[in-house]
Structures are given as structure tokens and as C-alpha cells.
Amino acid sequence: MRGSLSTKFKQHNISAGHTFKWEQLEKTGEISWEQFEQFTKLRMIRNHQVHSTTENFDYEQLETGVRLAEALIGELNG
């Protein structure tokens, strides 16, 4: 994928603050269905961690999210 995600959102008139931005971007063909699913998983991990307390913070899930994000960045920049 060439160009930044921000550029892709602008090109397709998609608000980066919109709840369904990844689904909308996938429909344009700019990202694959698998990448859309990875973004969704990252969002779910983020939401779980943000709403966690110190006692139930899931460091393993955080590590999974970091690995997933690094792989996704590699795909998008590759």
C-alpha cells in the first residue's frame, strides 16, 4: 500500500474519527479483509486494556497487540 493511511482516508472522503473507518477503507480496496480484521483485533485489545485496572491488566494481550501492530505496519509499508 503506497501512501499514508491518513492520505487514503482523505482520498476516499473517510473521516479518520469515524467508527467504521477500517471497514470503509477495506471496501475501497486500499486494505485487505485480513488487514481489516487485524485492525479490528487491535481495537478490541486496545479497548480491553484501556478499561482494565492494574489488577486485571493483561500483559500477554498487550504483547500480542504489539506483535500484531508491528506485522501490520510491515505489511502496509511493504
PDB file of N, CA and C in Angstrom:
ATOM      1  N   MET A   1       0.851  -1.182   0.000  1.00  0.00           N
ATOM      2  CA  MET A   1       0.000   0.000   0.000  1.00  0.00           C
ATOM      3  C   MET A   1       0.886   1.230   0.000  1.00  0.00           C
ATOM      4  N   ARG A   2       0.743   2.054  -0.972  1.00  0.00           N
ATOM      5  CA  ARG A   2       1.507   3.289  -1.074  1.00  0.00           C
ATOM      6  C   ARG A   2       0.728   4.433  -0.442  1.00  0.00           C
ATOM      7  N   GLY A   3       1.471   5.339   0.212  1.00  0.00           N
ATOM      8  CA  GLY A   3       0.829   6.485   0.840  1.00  0.00           C
ATOM      9  C   GLY A   3       0.394   6.161   2.256  1.00  0.00           C
ATOM     10  N   SER A   4       0.258   7.200   3.040  1.00  0.00           N
ATOM     11  CA  SER A   4      -0.132   7.014   4.434  1.00  0.00           C
ATOM     12  C   SER A   4      -1.617   6.681   4.549  1.00  0.00           C
ATOM     13  N   LEU A   5      -1.979   6.117   5.676  1.00  0.00           N
ATOM     14  CA  LEU A   5      -3.394   5.836   5.928  1.00  0.00           C
ATOM     15  C   LEU A   5      -4.198   7.130   5.936  1.00  0.00           C
ATOM     16  N   SER A   6      -3.612   8.158   6.486  1.00  0.00           N
ATOM     17  CA  SER A   6      -4.292   9.459   6.525  1.00  0.00           C
ATOM     18  C   SER A   6      -4.620   9.926   5.109  1.00  0.00           C
ATOM     19  N   THR A   7      -3.673   9.752   4.202  1.00  0.00           N
ATOM     20  CA  THR A   7      -3.888  10.131   2.809  1.00  0.00           C
ATOM     21  C   THR A   7      -4.996   9.300   2.192  1.00  0.00           C
ATOM     22  N   LYS A   8      -4.996   7.997   2.477  1.00  0.00           N
ATOM     23  CA  LYS A   8      -6.025   7.114   1.928  1.00  0.00           C
ATOM     24  C   LYS A   8      -7.411   7.505   2.433  1.00  0.00           C
ATOM     25  N   PHE A   9      -7.510   7.843   3.719  1.00  0.00           N
ATOM     26  CA  PHE A   9      -8.797   8.290   4.256  1.00  0.00           C
ATOM     27  C   PHE A   9      -9.272   9.536   3.513  1.00  0.00           C
ATOM     28  N   LYS A  10      -8.361  10.494   3.314  1.00  0.00           N
ATOM     29  CA  LYS A  10      -8.725  11.738   2.629  1.00  0.00           C
ATOM     30  C   LYS A  10      -9.128  11.477   1.181  1.00  0.00           C
ATOM     31  N   GLN A  11      -8.376  10.608   0.488  1.00  0.00           N
ATOM     32  CA  GLN A  11      -8.676  10.315  -0.914  1.00  0.00           C
ATOM     33  C   GLN A  11     -10.080   9.737  -1.087  1.00  0.00           C
ATOM     34  N   HIS A  12     -10.527   8.976  -0.101  1.00  0.00           N
ATOM     35  CA  HIS A  12     -11.826   8.320  -0.196  1.00  0.00           C
ATOM     36  C   HIS A  12     -12.893   9.006   0.656  1.00  0.00           C
ATOM     37  N   ASN A  13     -12.563  10.230   1.150  1.00  0.00           N
ATOM     38  CA  ASN A  13     -13.501  11.024   1.936  1.00  0.00           C
ATOM     39  C   ASN A  13     -14.042  10.245   3.144  1.00  0.00           C
ATOM     40  N   ILE A  14     -13.117   9.586   3.859  1.00  0.00           N
ATOM     41  CA  ILE A  14     -13.463   8.827   5.053  1.00  0.00           C
ATOM     42  C   ILE A  14     -12.918   9.583   6.258  1.00  0.00           C
ATOM     43  N   SER A  15     -13.757   9.848   7.224  1.00  0.00           N
ATOM     44  CA  SER A  15     -13.318  10.523   8.438  1.00  0.00           C
ATOM     45  C   SER A  15     -12.489   9.560   9.286  1.00  0.00           C
ATOM     46  N   ALA A  16     -11.267   9.973   9.640  1.00  0.00           N
ATOM     47  CA  ALA A  16     -10.394   9.136  10.462  1.00  0.00           C
ATOM     48  C   ALA A  16     -10.976   8.927  11.861  1.00  0.00           C
ATOM     49  N   GLY A  17     -11.914   9.751  12.261  1.00  0.00           N
ATOM     50  CA  GLY A  17     -12.551   9.603  13.561  1.00  0.00           C
ATOM     51  C   GLY A  17     -13.796   8.742  13.520  1.00  0.00           C
ATOM     52  N   HIS A  18     -14.168   8.303  12.342  1.00  0.00           N
ATOM     53  CA  HIS A  18     -15.395   7.519  12.162  1.00  0.00           C
ATOM     54  C   HIS A  18     -15.224   6.104  12.707  1.00  0.00           C
ATOM     55  N   THR A  19     -16.240   5.592  13.349  1.00  0.00           N
ATOM     56  CA  THR A  19     -16.204   4.263  13.958  1.00  0.00           C
ATOM     57  C   THR A  19     -15.917   3.167  12.943  1.00  0.00           C
ATOM     58  N   PHE A  20     -16.450   3.291  11.745  1.00  0.00           N
ATOM     59  CA  PHE A  20     -16.320   2.229  10.744  1.00  0.00           C
ATOM     60  C   PHE A  20     -15.279   2.552   9.674  1.00  0.00           C
ATOM     61  N   LYS A  21     -14.269   3.338  10.035  1.00  0.00           N
ATOM     62  CA  LYS A  21     -13.275   3.769   9.046  1.00  0.00           C
ATOM     63  C   LYS A  21     -12.525   2.612   8.411  1.00  0.00           C
ATOM     64  N   TRP A  22     -12.194   1.573   9.170  1.00  0.00           N
ATOM     65  CA  TRP A  22     -11.432   0.443   8.605  1.00  0.00           C
ATOM     66  C   TRP A  22     -12.298  -0.349   7.645  1.00  0.00           C
ATOM     67  N   GLU A  23     -13.553  -0.537   7.980  1.00  0.00           N
ATOM     68  CA  GLU A  23     -14.462  -1.243   7.085  1.00  0.00           C
ATOM     69  C   GLU A  23     -14.638  -0.441   5.791  1.00  0.00           C
ATOM     70  N   GLN A  24     -14.780   0.855   5.920  1.00  0.00           N
ATOM     71  CA  GLN A  24     -14.932   1.695   4.733  1.00  0.00           C
ATOM     72  C   GLN A  24     -13.674   1.649   3.871  1.00  0.00           C
ATOM     73  N   LEU A  25     -12.497   1.673   4.493  1.00  0.00           N
ATOM     74  CA  LEU A  25     -11.246   1.629   3.743  1.00  0.00           C
ATOM     75  C   LEU A  25     -11.069   0.275   3.065  1.00  0.00           C
ATOM     76  N   GLU A  26     -11.494  -0.795   3.712  1.00  0.00           N
ATOM     77  CA  GLU A  26     -11.415  -2.126   3.104  1.00  0.00           C
ATOM     78  C   GLU A  26     -12.295  -2.192   1.863  1.00  0.00           C
ATOM     79  N   LYS A  27     -13.455  -1.588   1.924  1.00  0.00           N
ATOM     80  CA  LYS A  27     -14.373  -1.598   0.775  1.00  0.00           C
ATOM     81  C   LYS A  27     -13.800  -0.874  -0.430  1.00  0.00           C
ATOM     82  N   THR A  28     -12.859   0.041  -0.215  1.00  0.00           N
ATOM     83  CA  THR A  28     -12.224   0.746  -1.329  1.00  0.00           C
ATOM     84  C   THR A  28     -11.123  -0.094  -1.966  1.00  0.00           C
ATOM     85  N   GLY A  29     -10.703  -1.158  -1.285  1.00  0.00           N
ATOM     86  CA  GLY A  29      -9.608  -1.984  -1.782  1.00  0.00           C
ATOM     87  C   GLY A  29      -8.238  -1.531  -1.320  1.00  0.00           C
ATOM     88  N   GLU A  30      -8.197  -0.507  -0.491  1.00  0.00           N
ATOM     89  CA  GLU A  30      -6.912   0.016  -0.009  1.00  0.00           C
ATOM     90  C   GLU A  30      -6.268  -0.908   1.025  1.00  0.00           C
ATOM     91  N   ILE A  31      -7.092  -1.637   1.780  1.00  0.00           N
ATOM     92  CA  ILE A  31      -6.571  -2.655   2.698  1.00  0.00           C
ATOM     93  C   ILE A  31      -7.348  -3.943   2.428  1.00  0.00           C
ATOM     94  N   SER A  32      -6.727  -5.057   2.778  1.00  0.00           N
ATOM     95  CA  SER A  32      -7.368  -6.355   2.563  1.00  0.00           C
ATOM     96  C   SER A  32      -8.334  -6.667   3.699  1.00  0.00           C
ATOM     97  N   TRP A  33      -9.149  -7.697   3.483  1.00  0.00           N
ATOM     98  CA  TRP A  33     -10.066  -8.148   4.528  1.00  0.00           C
ATOM     99  C   TRP A  33      -9.270  -8.602   5.758  1.00  0.00           C
ATOM    100  N   GLU A  34      -8.149  -9.275   5.527  1.00  0.00           N
ATOM    101  CA  GLU A  34      -7.310  -9.738   6.638  1.00  0.00           C
ATOM    102  C   GLU A  34      -6.757  -8.554   7.435  1.00  0.00           C
ATOM    103  N   GLN A  35      -6.348  -7.508   6.737  1.00  0.00           N
ATOM    104  CA  GLN A  35      -5.854  -6.316   7.431  1.00  0.00           C
ATOM    105  C   GLN A  35      -6.984  -5.636   8.202  1.00  0.00           C
ATOM    106  N   PHE A  36      -8.164  -5.601   7.621  1.00  0.00           N
ATOM    107  CA  PHE A  36      -9.330  -5.061   8.322  1.00  0.00           C
ATOM    108  C   PHE A  36      -9.557  -5.836   9.616  1.00  0.00           C
ATOM    109  N   GLU A  37      -9.476  -7.163   9.546  1.00  0.00           N
ATOM    110  CA  GLU A  37      -9.656  -7.986  10.745  1.00  0.00           C
ATOM    111  C   GLU A  37      -8.559  -7.722  11.772  1.00  0.00           C
ATOM    112  N   GLN A  38      -7.321  -7.483  11.308  1.00  0.00           N
ATOM    113  CA  GLN A  38      -6.234  -7.178  12.229  1.00  0.00           C
ATOM    114  C   GLN A  38      -6.466  -5.835  12.927  1.00  0.00           C
ATOM    115  N   PHE A  39      -6.921  -4.834  12.180  1.00  0.00           N
ATOM    116  CA  PHE A  39      -7.251  -3.548  12.799  1.00  0.00           C
ATOM    117  C   PHE A  39      -8.365  -3.719  13.838  1.00  0.00           C
ATOM    118  N   THR A  40      -9.346  -4.539  13.519  1.00  0.00           N
ATOM    119  CA  THR A  40     -10.447  -4.788  14.448  1.00  0.00           C
ATOM    120  C   THR A  40      -9.933  -5.448  15.717  1.00  0.00           C
ATOM    121  N   LYS A  41      -9.054  -6.434  15.564  1.00  0.00           N
ATOM    122  CA  LYS A  41      -8.486  -7.114  16.734  1.00  0.00           C
ATOM    123  C   LYS A  41      -7.669  -6.132  17.579  1.00  0.00           C
ATOM    124  N   LEU A  42      -6.897  -5.275  16.925  1.00  0.00           N
ATOM    125  CA  LEU A  42      -6.135  -4.271  17.666  1.00  0.00           C
ATOM    126  C   LEU A  42      -7.049  -3.326  18.439  1.00  0.00           C
ATOM    127  N   ARG A  43      -8.146  -2.935  17.818  1.00  0.00           N
ATOM    128  CA  ARG A  43      -9.110  -2.055  18.501  1.00  0.00           C
ATOM    129  C   ARG A  43      -9.690  -2.742  19.726  1.00  0.00           C
ATOM    130  N   MET A  44     -10.010  -4.017  19.579  1.00  0.00           N
ATOM    131  CA  MET A  44     -10.573  -4.769  20.707  1.00  0.00           C
ATOM    132  C   MET A  44      -9.558  -4.900  21.838  1.00  0.00           C
ATOM    133  N   ILE A  45      -8.298  -5.174  21.486  1.00  0.00           N
ATOM    134  CA  ILE A  45      -7.238  -5.261  22.502  1.00  0.00           C
ATOM    135  C   ILE A  45      -7.089  -3.911  23.194  1.00  0.00           C
ATOM    136  N   ARG A  46      -7.059  -2.853  22.426  1.00  0.00           N
ATOM    137  CA  ARG A  46      -6.922  -1.512  22.990  1.00  0.00           C
ATOM    138  C   ARG A  46      -8.064  -1.198  23.946  1.00  0.00           C
ATOM    139  N   ASN A  47      -9.286  -1.468  23.514  1.00  0.00           N
ATOM    140  CA  ASN A  47     -10.438  -1.179  24.359  1.00  0.00           C
ATOM    141  C   ASN A  47     -10.397  -1.972  25.655  1.00  0.00           C
ATOM    142  N   HIS A  48     -10.009  -3.225  25.580  1.00  0.00           N
ATOM    143  CA  HIS A  48      -9.926  -4.053  26.790  1.00  0.00           C
ATOM    144  C   HIS A  48      -8.866  -3.511  27.737  1.00  0.00           C
ATOM    145  N   GLN A  49      -7.703  -3.157  27.198  1.00  0.00           N
ATOM    146  CA  GLN A  49      -6.613  -2.688  28.043  1.00  0.00           C
ATOM    147  C   GLN A  49      -6.924  -1.323  28.660  1.00  0.00           C
ATOM    148  N   VAL A  50      -7.530  -0.440  27.897  1.00  0.00           N
ATOM    149  CA  VAL A  50      -7.846   0.901  28.397  1.00  0.00           C
ATOM    150  C   VAL A  50      -8.828   0.829  29.559  1.00  0.00           C
ATOM    151  N   HIS A  51      -9.715  -0.141  29.519  1.00  0.00           N
ATOM    152  CA  HIS A  51     -10.731  -0.253  30.562  1.00  0.00           C
ATOM    153  C   HIS A  51     -10.341  -1.242  31.655  1.00  0.00           C
ATOM    154  N   SER A  52      -9.072  -1.658  31.648  1.00  0.00           N
ATOM    155  CA  SER A  52      -8.583  -2.577  32.678  1.00  0.00           C
ATOM    156  C   SER A  52      -8.091  -1.800  33.891  1.00  0.00           C
ATOM    157  N   THR A  53      -8.058  -2.488  34.998  1.00  0.00           N
ATOM    158  CA  THR A  53      -7.439  -1.931  36.199  1.00  0.00           C
ATOM    159  C   THR A  53      -6.054  -2.557  36.339  1.00  0.00           C
ATOM    160  N   THR A  54      -5.283  -2.060  37.270  1.00  0.00           N
ATOM    161  CA  THR A  54      -3.955  -2.614  37.499  1.00  0.00           C
ATOM    162  C   THR A  54      -4.033  -4.106  37.809  1.00  0.00           C
ATOM    163  N   GLU A  55      -5.070  -4.510  38.518  1.00  0.00           N
ATOM    164  CA  GLU A  55      -5.205  -5.901  38.922  1.00  0.00           C
ATOM    165  C   GLU A  55      -5.530  -6.834  37.754  1.00  0.00           C
ATOM    166  N   ASN A  56      -6.238  -6.353  36.735  1.00  0.00           N
ATOM    167  CA  ASN A  56      -6.612  -7.254  35.640  1.00  0.00           C
ATOM    168  C   ASN A  56      -6.011  -6.856  34.291  1.00  0.00           C
ATOM    169  N   PHE A  57      -4.946  -6.054  34.331  1.00  0.00           N
ATOM    170  CA  PHE A  57      -4.262  -5.681  33.100  1.00  0.00           C
ATOM    171  C   PHE A  57      -3.613  -6.926  32.514  1.00  0.00           C
ATOM    172  N   ASP A  58      -3.805  -7.150  31.219  1.00  0.00           N
ATOM    173  CA  ASP A  58      -3.346  -8.371  30.566  1.00  0.00           C
ATOM    174  C   ASP A  58      -2.090  -8.076  29.742  1.00  0.00           C
ATOM    175  N   TYR A  59      -0.926  -8.330  30.337  1.00  0.00           N
ATOM    176  CA  TYR A  59       0.337  -8.046  29.665  1.00  0.00           C
ATOM    177  C   TYR A  59       0.557  -8.957  28.455  1.00  0.00           C
ATOM    178  N   GLU A  60       0.062 -10.167  28.518  1.00  0.00           N
ATOM    179  CA  GLU A  60       0.177 -11.088  27.388  1.00  0.00           C
ATOM    180  C   GLU A  60      -0.625 -10.560  26.190  1.00  0.00           C
ATOM    181  N   GLN A  61      -1.815 -10.058  26.474  1.00  0.00           N
ATOM    182  CA  GLN A  61      -2.638  -9.484  25.417  1.00  0.00           C
ATOM    183  C   GLN A  61      -1.960  -8.244  24.828  1.00  0.00           C
ATOM    184  N   LEU A  62      -1.325  -7.451  25.675  1.00  0.00           N
ATOM    185  CA  LEU A  62      -0.594  -6.279  25.213  1.00  0.00           C
ATOM    186  C   LEU A  62       0.539  -6.691  24.273  1.00  0.00           C
ATOM    187  N   GLU A  63       1.288  -7.722  24.642  1.00  0.00           N
ATOM    188  CA  GLU A  63       2.364  -8.229  23.789  1.00  0.00           C
ATOM    189  C   GLU A  63       1.819  -8.719  22.451  1.00  0.00           C
ATOM    190  N   THR A  64       0.684  -9.391  22.480  1.00  0.00           N
ATOM    191  CA  THR A  64       0.041  -9.849  21.245  1.00  0.00           C
ATOM    192  C   THR A  64      -0.309  -8.657  20.362  1.00  0.00           C
ATOM    193  N   GLY A  65      -0.839  -7.624  20.968  1.00  0.00           N
ATOM    194  CA  GLY A  65      -1.198  -6.420  20.224  1.00  0.00           C
ATOM    195  C   GLY A  65       0.008  -5.745  19.592  1.00  0.00           C
ATOM    196  N   VAL A  66       1.102  -5.697  20.324  1.00  0.00           N
ATOM    197  CA  VAL A  66       2.330  -5.080  19.792  1.00  0.00           C
ATOM    198  C   VAL A  66       2.839  -5.882  18.597  1.00  0.00           C
ATOM    199  N   ARG A  67       2.878  -7.211  18.724  1.00  0.00           N
ATOM    200  CA  ARG A  67       3.331  -8.056  17.612  1.00  0.00           C
ATOM    201  C   ARG A  67       2.420  -7.886  16.398  1.00  0.00           C
ATOM    202  N   LEU A  68       1.119  -7.857  16.635  1.00  0.00           N
ATOM    203  CA  LEU A  68       0.148  -7.695  15.558  1.00  0.00           C
ATOM    204  C   LEU A  68       0.329  -6.338  14.875  1.00  0.00           C
ATOM    205  N   ALA A  69       0.507  -5.299  15.663  1.00  0.00           N
ATOM    206  CA  ALA A  69       0.685  -3.951  15.106  1.00  0.00           C
ATOM    207  C   ALA A  69       1.979  -3.860  14.293  1.00  0.00           C
ATOM    208  N   GLU A  70       3.052  -4.459  14.791  1.00  0.00           N
ATOM    209  CA  GLU A  70       4.310  -4.429  14.057  1.00  0.00           C
ATOM    210  C   GLU A  70       4.192  -5.160  12.722  1.00  0.00           C
ATOM    211  N   ALA A  71       3.524  -6.299  12.718  1.00  0.00           N
ATOM    212  CA  ALA A  71       3.327  -7.055  11.478  1.00  0.00           C
ATOM    213  C   ALA A  71       2.457  -6.258  10.502  1.00  0.00           C
ATOM    214  N   LEU A  72       1.415  -5.637  11.010  1.00  0.00           N
ATOM    215  CA  LEU A  72       0.515  -4.859  10.168  1.00  0.00           C
ATOM    216  C   LEU A  72       1.238  -3.653   9.562  1.00  0.00           C
ATOM    217  N   ILE A  73       2.045  -2.986  10.355  1.00  0.00           N
ATOM    218  CA  ILE A  73       2.822  -1.845   9.852  1.00  0.00           C
ATOM    219  C   ILE A  73       3.760  -2.310   8.742  1.00  0.00           C
ATOM    220  N   GLY A  74       4.395  -3.453   8.948  1.00  0.00           N
ATOM    221  CA  GLY A  74       5.273  -4.001   7.919  1.00  0.00           C
ATOM    222  C   GLY A  74       4.544  -4.274   6.620  1.00  0.00           C
ATOM    223  N   GLU A  75       3.346  -4.835   6.717  1.00  0.00           N
ATOM    224  CA  GLU A  75       2.537  -5.107   5.524  1.00  0.00           C
ATOM    225  C   GLU A  75       2.154  -3.817   4.808  1.00  0.00           C
ATOM    226  N   LEU A  76       1.711  -2.847   5.570  1.00  0.00           N
ATOM    227  CA  LEU A  76       1.223  -1.603   4.974  1.00  0.00           C
ATOM    228  C   LEU A  76       2.358  -0.774   4.370  1.00  0.00           C
ATOM    229  N   ASN A  77       3.545  -0.885   4.937  1.00  0.00           N
ATOM    230  CA  ASN A  77       4.691  -0.125   4.424  1.00  0.00           C
ATOM    231  C   ASN A  77       5.468  -0.903   3.369  1.00  0.00           C
ATOM    232  N   GLY A  78       5.163  -2.209   3.229  1.00  0.00           N
ATOM    233  CA  GLY A  78       5.913  -3.068   2.307  1.00  0.00           C
ATOM    234  C   GLY A  78       5.490  -2.955   0.948  1.00  0.00           C
TER     235      GLY A  78
END
